C-alpha atoms as a PDB file:
ATOM      1  CA  MET A   1     259.261 202.738  33.574  1.00  0.00           C
ATOM      2  CA  THR A   2     256.784 203.368  30.867  1.00  0.00           C
ATOM      3  CA  THR A   3     256.767 206.422  28.699  1.00  0.00           C
ATOM      4  CA  SER A   4     253.320 207.316  29.793  1.00  0.00           C
ATOM      5  CA  PHE A   5     254.450 207.243  33.462  1.00  0.00           C
ATOM      6  CA  VAL A   6     257.461 209.426  32.811  1.00  0.00           C
ATOM      7  CA  ARG A   7     255.301 212.024  30.873  1.00  0.00           C
ATOM      8  CA  LYS A   8     252.769 212.099  33.699  1.00  0.00           C
ATOM      9  CA  ALA A   9     255.548 212.592  36.183  1.00  0.00           C
ATOM     10  CA  LEU A  10     257.114 215.378  34.227  1.00  0.00           C
ATOM     11  CA  LEU A  11     253.704 217.017  33.814  1.00  0.00           C
ATOM     12  CA  GLY A  12     253.033 216.754  37.487  1.00  0.00           C
ATOM     13  CA  THR A  13     256.465 218.253  38.299  1.00  0.00           C
ATOM     14  CA  ALA A  14     255.932 221.114  35.801  1.00  0.00           C
ATOM     15  CA  ILE A  15     252.488 221.876  37.289  1.00  0.00           C
ATOM     16  CA  ALA A  16     253.934 221.830  40.880  1.00  0.00           C
ATOM     17  CA  ALA A  17     256.664 224.045  39.908  1.00  0.00           C
ATOM     18  CA  SER A  18     254.538 226.525  38.162  1.00  0.00           C
ATOM     19  CA  MET A  19     252.256 226.709  41.197  1.00  0.00           C
ATOM     20  CA  GLY A  20     255.295 227.366  43.417  1.00  0.00           C
ATOM     21  CA  ILE A  21     256.444 230.099  41.061  1.00  0.00           C
ATOM     22  CA  GLY A  22     253.006 231.595  40.951  1.00  0.00           C
ATOM     23  CA  TYR A  23     252.772 231.573  44.646  1.00  0.00           C
ATOM     24  CA  ALA A  24     256.168 233.249  45.036  1.00  0.00           C
ATOM     25  CA  ILE A  25     255.298 235.941  42.502  1.00  0.00           C
ATOM     26  CA  GLY A  26     251.594 236.529  43.395  1.00  0.00           C
ATOM     27  CA  ALA A  27     251.391 235.989  47.059  1.00  0.00           C
ATOM     28  CA  GLN A  28     253.539 238.321  48.991  1.00  0.00           C
ATOM     29  CA  PRO A  29     253.231 237.276  52.594  1.00  0.00           C
ATOM     30  CA  HIS A  30     256.026 239.655  53.847  1.00  0.00           C
ATOM     31  CA  MET A  31     254.628 242.740  52.080  1.00  0.00           C
ATOM     32  CA  THR A  32     251.103 241.908  53.300  1.00  0.00           C
ATOM     33  CA  ALA A  33     252.324 241.338  56.907  1.00  0.00           C
ATOM     34  CA  SER A  34     254.190 244.618  56.758  1.00  0.00           C
ATOM     35  CA  ILE A  35     251.050 246.449  56.029  1.00  0.00           C
ATOM     36  CA  GLY A  36     249.472 244.906  59.223  1.00  0.00           C
ATOM     37  CA  LEU A  37     252.571 245.927  61.194  1.00  0.00           C
ATOM     38  CA  LEU A  38     252.405 249.481  59.916  1.00  0.00           C
ATOM     39  CA  GLN A  39     248.695 249.819  60.669  1.00  0.00           C
ATOM     40  CA  SER A  40     249.459 248.562  64.180  1.00  0.00           C
ATOM     41  CA  ALA A  41     252.173 251.119  64.630  1.00  0.00           C
ATOM     42  CA  ARG A  42     249.787 253.830  63.382  1.00  0.00           C
ATOM     43  CA  ALA A  43     247.159 252.740  65.827  1.00  0.00           C
ATOM     44  CA  GLU A  44     249.670 252.941  68.692  1.00  0.00           C
ATOM     45  CA  LEU A  45     250.691 256.488  67.630  1.00  0.00           C
ATOM     46  CA  GLY A  46     247.015 257.377  67.291  1.00  0.00           C
ATOM     47  CA  ALA A  47     246.587 256.338  70.938  1.00  0.00           C
ATOM     48  CA  ALA A  48     249.575 258.401  72.187  1.00  0.00           C
ATOM     49  CA  THR A  49     249.105 261.855  73.545  1.00  0.00           C
ATOM     50  CA  PRO A  50     249.643 264.572  70.961  1.00  0.00           C
ATOM     51  CA  ASN A  51     252.235 266.486  72.899  1.00  0.00           C
ATOM     52  CA  LYS A  52     255.237 265.639  70.831  1.00  0.00           C
ATOM     53  CA  GLY A  53     255.980 268.855  69.012  1.00  0.00           C
ATOM     54  CA  GLY A  54     254.288 267.621  65.849  1.00  0.00           C
ATOM     55  CA  HIS A  55     256.529 264.607  65.627  1.00  0.00           C
ATOM     56  CA  ARG A  56     253.777 262.041  66.281  1.00  0.00           C
ATOM     57  CA  GLU A  57     251.629 263.568  63.516  1.00  0.00           C
ATOM     58  CA  ARG A  58     254.494 263.538  61.109  1.00  0.00           C
ATOM     59  CA  ALA A  59     255.255 259.907  61.995  1.00  0.00           C
ATOM     60  CA  MET A  60     251.577 259.062  61.325  1.00  0.00           C
ATOM     61  CA  GLN A  61     251.804 260.713  57.836  1.00  0.00           C
ATOM     62  CA  LEU A  62     255.006 258.786  57.073  1.00  0.00           C
ATOM     63  CA  ILE A  63     253.302 255.548  58.077  1.00  0.00           C
ATOM     64  CA  ASP A  64     250.427 256.398  55.813  1.00  0.00           C
ATOM     65  CA  GLN A  65     252.802 257.064  52.989  1.00  0.00           C
ATOM     66  CA  ALA A  66     254.658 253.722  53.719  1.00  0.00           C
ATOM     67  CA  ILE A  67     251.469 251.789  53.636  1.00  0.00           C
ATOM     68  CA  GLY A  68     250.698 253.358  50.260  1.00  0.00           C
ATOM     69  CA  GLU A  69     254.175 252.400  48.940  1.00  0.00           C
ATOM     70  CA  VAL A  70     253.859 248.879  50.137  1.00  0.00           C
ATOM     71  CA  ARG A  71     250.437 248.601  48.550  1.00  0.00           C
ATOM     72  CA  ALA A  72     251.853 250.051  45.241  1.00  0.00           C
ATOM     73  CA  GLY A  73     254.649 247.479  45.482  1.00  0.00           C
ATOM     74  CA  ILE A  74     252.220 244.585  45.754  1.00  0.00           C
ATOM     75  CA  ALA A  75     250.156 245.977  42.935  1.00  0.00           C
ATOM     76  CA  PHE A  76     253.191 246.393  40.752  1.00  0.00           C
ATOM     77  CA  ALA A  77     254.280 242.752  41.492  1.00  0.00           C
ATOM     78  CA  GLY A  78     250.830 241.665  40.352  1.00  0.00           C
ATOM     79  CA  GLY A  79     249.627 240.640  43.947  1.00  0.00           C
END
């Protein structure tokens, strides 16, 4: 193998690795998916009848808080 080929191979490997690390750090598919699931749960609670002694409303508030925390986590991690 030539030195030029080895350098190109190492450079390509380094670029691929840095892209993988950037994806792992920047893109947060599980955190993003959890926001969608929380929003879906909130919509289901919103569709439920409000005769739950205030527990439905409290659950909706907690979901709103959880969505905020997940978004803050994503922002903190740079996503």
